[in-house]
Amino acid sequence: YLTQEMGFTNVSRLAGGIIAYDRTLNDNAPEEEPMFKGTNYVFDGRVGRQITDDALGECMTCEAKTNLISNCKNGNCHKRMVQ
């Protein structure tokens, strides 16, 4: 998506993905400042995995800074929301 749709050319992948990066960082260098901040969006029941406590999103209801991601409970909508 980043290269095909958005035109970025300098794109790399983390070996094992961001979740493996988070586990490795926590196991091997817990005092090291992570390069990834906030919550990582995942495509399963977890919806998001918190990597750091940084609140980078904005609640769509009250506009407060947040890192919470959820699905709308309305069965007709069911969109992902930052709230």
N, C-alpha and C. Protein backbone atom coordinates (compact mmCIF):
# COMPACT_ATOMS: atom_id res chain seq x y z
N TYR A 1 0.81 -1.20 0.00
CA TYR A 1 0.00 0.00 0.00
C TYR A 1 0.86 1.27 0.00
N LEU A 2 1.87 1.28 0.85
CA LEU A 2 2.71 2.49 0.93
C LEU A 2 3.42 2.79 -0.38
N THR A 3 3.89 1.75 -1.06
CA THR A 3 4.60 1.99 -2.31
C THR A 3 3.64 2.14 -3.49
N GLN A 4 2.62 1.30 -3.55
CA GLN A 4 1.71 1.30 -4.69
C GLN A 4 0.71 2.45 -4.67
N GLU A 5 0.14 2.74 -3.50
CA GLU A 5 -0.92 3.74 -3.41
C GLU A 5 -0.41 5.12 -2.99
N MET A 6 0.61 5.16 -2.14
CA MET A 6 1.05 6.43 -1.59
C MET A 6 2.36 6.94 -2.19
N GLY A 7 3.03 6.10 -2.97
CA GLY A 7 4.21 6.54 -3.69
C GLY A 7 5.51 6.56 -2.90
N PHE A 8 5.51 6.00 -1.67
CA PHE A 8 6.75 5.94 -0.91
C PHE A 8 7.73 4.97 -1.58
N THR A 9 9.02 5.30 -1.56
CA THR A 9 10.02 4.44 -2.20
C THR A 9 10.98 3.81 -1.19
N ASN A 10 11.16 4.40 -0.04
CA ASN A 10 12.10 3.89 0.96
C ASN A 10 11.32 3.19 2.08
N VAL A 11 10.77 2.01 1.78
CA VAL A 11 9.93 1.27 2.72
C VAL A 11 10.59 -0.06 3.02
N SER A 12 10.69 -0.38 4.30
CA SER A 12 11.28 -1.66 4.73
C SER A 12 10.31 -2.36 5.67
N ARG A 13 10.52 -3.66 5.85
CA ARG A 13 9.73 -4.45 6.79
C ARG A 13 10.61 -4.86 7.95
N LEU A 14 10.03 -4.92 9.12
CA LEU A 14 10.73 -5.47 10.27
C LEU A 14 10.64 -6.98 10.20
N ALA A 15 11.75 -7.67 10.45
CA ALA A 15 11.73 -9.13 10.47
C ALA A 15 10.78 -9.59 11.57
N GLY A 16 9.75 -10.33 11.21
CA GLY A 16 8.78 -10.81 12.18
C GLY A 16 7.69 -9.82 12.51
N GLY A 17 7.79 -8.59 11.98
CA GLY A 17 6.76 -7.58 12.21
C GLY A 17 6.97 -6.80 13.49
N ILE A 18 6.07 -5.85 13.72
CA ILE A 18 6.18 -4.96 14.88
C ILE A 18 5.99 -5.72 16.19
N ILE A 19 5.19 -6.78 16.18
CA ILE A 19 4.97 -7.55 17.41
C ILE A 19 6.25 -8.26 17.82
N ALA A 20 6.97 -8.85 16.86
CA ALA A 20 8.26 -9.48 17.17
C ALA A 20 9.27 -8.44 17.64
N TYR A 21 9.24 -7.27 17.03
CA TYR A 21 10.13 -6.17 17.45
C TYR A 21 9.84 -5.80 18.90
N ASP A 22 8.57 -5.67 19.25
CA ASP A 22 8.18 -5.32 20.62
C ASP A 22 8.64 -6.38 21.61
N ARG A 23 8.43 -7.65 21.28
CA ARG A 23 8.87 -8.74 22.18
C ARG A 23 10.38 -8.73 22.35
N THR A 24 11.10 -8.57 21.25
CA THR A 24 12.56 -8.56 21.30
C THR A 24 13.06 -7.39 22.13
N LEU A 25 12.48 -6.23 21.93
CA LEU A 25 12.89 -5.04 22.67
C LEU A 25 12.63 -5.24 24.17
N ASN A 26 11.47 -5.74 24.53
CA ASN A 26 11.14 -5.96 25.94
C ASN A 26 12.02 -7.02 26.59
N ASP A 27 12.36 -8.06 25.83
CA ASP A 27 13.19 -9.14 26.38
C ASP A 27 14.66 -8.77 26.46
N ASN A 28 15.18 -8.07 25.45
CA ASN A 28 16.62 -7.85 25.34
C ASN A 28 17.10 -6.46 25.76
N ALA A 29 16.25 -5.47 25.64
CA ALA A 29 16.68 -4.10 25.95
C ALA A 29 15.51 -3.28 26.47
N PRO A 30 14.96 -3.64 27.62
CA PRO A 30 13.76 -2.94 28.10
C PRO A 30 13.99 -1.45 28.39
N GLU A 31 15.21 -1.04 28.61
CA GLU A 31 15.50 0.38 28.89
C GLU A 31 15.67 1.20 27.61
N GLU A 32 15.78 0.52 26.46
CA GLU A 32 15.97 1.22 25.19
C GLU A 32 14.67 1.90 24.73
N GLU A 33 14.80 3.11 24.21
CA GLU A 33 13.65 3.86 23.70
C GLU A 33 13.14 3.19 22.42
N PRO A 34 11.87 2.74 22.38
CA PRO A 34 11.35 2.10 21.18
C PRO A 34 11.22 3.08 20.02
N MET A 35 11.43 2.59 18.81
CA MET A 35 11.27 3.41 17.62
C MET A 35 9.79 3.52 17.24
N PHE A 36 9.00 2.52 17.60
CA PHE A 36 7.57 2.53 17.32
C PHE A 36 6.85 3.06 18.55
N LYS A 37 5.94 3.99 18.38
CA LYS A 37 5.20 4.60 19.48
C LYS A 37 3.72 4.30 19.36
N GLY A 38 3.05 4.19 20.49
CA GLY A 38 1.60 4.07 20.51
C GLY A 38 1.10 2.65 20.43
N THR A 39 -0.03 2.48 19.76
CA THR A 39 -0.71 1.20 19.63
C THR A 39 -0.62 0.71 18.19
N ASN A 40 -0.25 -0.54 18.03
CA ASN A 40 -0.15 -1.14 16.71
C ASN A 40 -1.50 -1.77 16.36
N TYR A 41 -2.09 -1.35 15.24
CA TYR A 41 -3.35 -1.91 14.76
C TYR A 41 -3.10 -3.33 14.27
N VAL A 42 -3.93 -4.28 14.73
CA VAL A 42 -3.81 -5.67 14.29
C VAL A 42 -5.15 -6.14 13.75
N PHE A 43 -5.11 -7.12 12.86
CA PHE A 43 -6.31 -7.57 12.15
C PHE A 43 -6.88 -8.83 12.78
N ASP A 44 -7.04 -8.84 14.09
CA ASP A 44 -7.68 -9.97 14.77
C ASP A 44 -8.50 -9.42 15.93
N GLY A 45 -8.93 -10.27 16.82
CA GLY A 45 -9.80 -9.86 17.92
C GLY A 45 -9.19 -8.85 18.88
N ARG A 46 -7.89 -8.74 18.89
CA ARG A 46 -7.24 -7.78 19.78
C ARG A 46 -7.44 -6.35 19.31
N VAL A 47 -7.63 -6.13 18.04
CA VAL A 47 -7.80 -4.84 17.37
C VAL A 47 -6.53 -4.01 17.45
N GLY A 48 -5.94 -3.88 18.62
CA GLY A 48 -4.70 -3.13 18.76
C GLY A 48 -3.82 -3.72 19.84
N ARG A 49 -2.52 -3.63 19.65
CA ARG A 49 -1.57 -4.08 20.66
C ARG A 49 -0.76 -2.86 21.07
N GLN A 50 -0.85 -2.53 22.36
CA GLN A 50 -0.17 -1.35 22.87
C GLN A 50 1.33 -1.62 22.95
N ILE A 51 2.12 -0.79 22.27
CA ILE A 51 3.57 -0.91 22.27
C ILE A 51 4.17 0.03 23.31
N THR A 52 3.71 1.28 23.33
CA THR A 52 4.11 2.25 24.36
C THR A 52 2.87 2.93 24.91
N ASP A 53 3.03 3.70 25.97
CA ASP A 53 1.90 4.41 26.58
C ASP A 53 1.54 5.69 25.83
N ASP A 54 2.26 6.03 24.77
CA ASP A 54 2.00 7.26 24.03
C ASP A 54 0.59 7.24 23.44
N ALA A 55 -0.18 8.28 23.71
CA ALA A 55 -1.53 8.43 23.17
C ALA A 55 -1.44 9.30 21.93
N LEU A 56 -1.43 8.69 20.76
CA LEU A 56 -1.23 9.41 19.51
C LEU A 56 -2.52 9.67 18.75
N GLY A 57 -3.59 9.01 19.16
CA GLY A 57 -4.88 9.20 18.50
C GLY A 57 -5.71 10.24 19.22
N GLU A 58 -6.84 10.57 18.62
CA GLU A 58 -7.75 11.53 19.22
C GLU A 58 -9.14 10.91 19.25
N CYS A 59 -9.76 10.93 20.43
CA CYS A 59 -11.10 10.35 20.59
C CYS A 59 -12.08 11.06 19.67
N MET A 60 -12.87 10.28 18.96
CA MET A 60 -13.84 10.87 18.03
C MET A 60 -15.04 11.47 18.76
N THR A 61 -15.18 11.20 20.06
CA THR A 61 -16.28 11.73 20.83
C THR A 61 -15.90 13.01 21.57
N CYS A 62 -14.80 12.96 22.33
CA CYS A 62 -14.44 14.11 23.18
C CYS A 62 -13.15 14.81 22.75
N GLU A 63 -12.46 14.27 21.73
CA GLU A 63 -11.22 14.83 21.18
C GLU A 63 -10.03 14.77 22.13
N ALA A 64 -10.13 13.98 23.20
CA ALA A 64 -8.99 13.79 24.11
C ALA A 64 -7.97 12.86 23.45
N LYS A 65 -6.69 13.00 23.80
CA LYS A 65 -5.65 12.10 23.30
C LYS A 65 -5.91 10.70 23.85
N THR A 66 -5.78 9.68 23.00
CA THR A 66 -6.04 8.31 23.42
C THR A 66 -5.24 7.33 22.57
N ASN A 67 -5.11 6.10 23.06
CA ASN A 67 -4.51 5.03 22.28
C ASN A 67 -5.47 3.83 22.20
N LEU A 68 -6.74 4.05 22.51
CA LEU A 68 -7.73 2.97 22.50
C LEU A 68 -8.38 2.85 21.13
N ILE A 69 -8.47 1.63 20.64
CA ILE A 69 -9.11 1.34 19.35
C ILE A 69 -10.20 0.32 19.62
N SER A 70 -11.39 0.52 19.05
CA SER A 70 -12.48 -0.44 19.24
C SER A 70 -13.35 -0.48 18.00
N ASN A 71 -14.24 -1.46 17.96
CA ASN A 71 -15.24 -1.55 16.89
C ASN A 71 -16.52 -0.91 17.37
N CYS A 72 -17.22 -0.23 16.49
CA CYS A 72 -18.54 0.29 16.81
C CYS A 72 -19.44 -0.89 17.15
N LYS A 73 -20.22 -0.79 18.20
CA LYS A 73 -21.09 -1.89 18.64
C LYS A 73 -22.37 -2.00 17.83
N ASN A 74 -22.67 -1.01 17.01
CA ASN A 74 -23.83 -1.05 16.14
C ASN A 74 -23.57 -2.04 15.01
N GLY A 75 -24.37 -3.09 14.92
CA GLY A 75 -24.17 -4.12 13.91
C GLY A 75 -24.24 -3.62 12.48
N ASN A 76 -24.95 -2.51 12.24
CA ASN A 76 -25.04 -1.94 10.91
C ASN A 76 -23.81 -1.12 10.54
N CYS A 77 -23.03 -0.74 11.53
CA CYS A 77 -21.87 0.10 11.30
C CYS A 77 -20.58 -0.72 11.43
N HIS A 78 -20.27 -1.10 12.65
CA HIS A 78 -19.12 -1.94 13.00
C HIS A 78 -17.77 -1.39 12.52
N LYS A 79 -17.67 -0.06 12.37
CA LYS A 79 -16.41 0.56 11.94
C LYS A 79 -15.42 0.60 13.09
N ARG A 80 -14.14 0.65 12.75
CA ARG A 80 -13.09 0.81 13.76
C ARG A 80 -13.07 2.26 14.20
N MET A 81 -12.96 2.47 15.51
CA MET A 81 -12.97 3.81 16.06
C MET A 81 -11.78 3.99 17.00
N VAL A 82 -11.28 5.19 17.05
CA VAL A 82 -10.33 5.58 18.08
C VAL A 82 -11.17 6.26 19.14
N GLN A 83 -11.16 5.71 20.37
CA GLN A 83 -12.01 6.26 21.41
C GLN A 83 -11.43 6.03 22.77
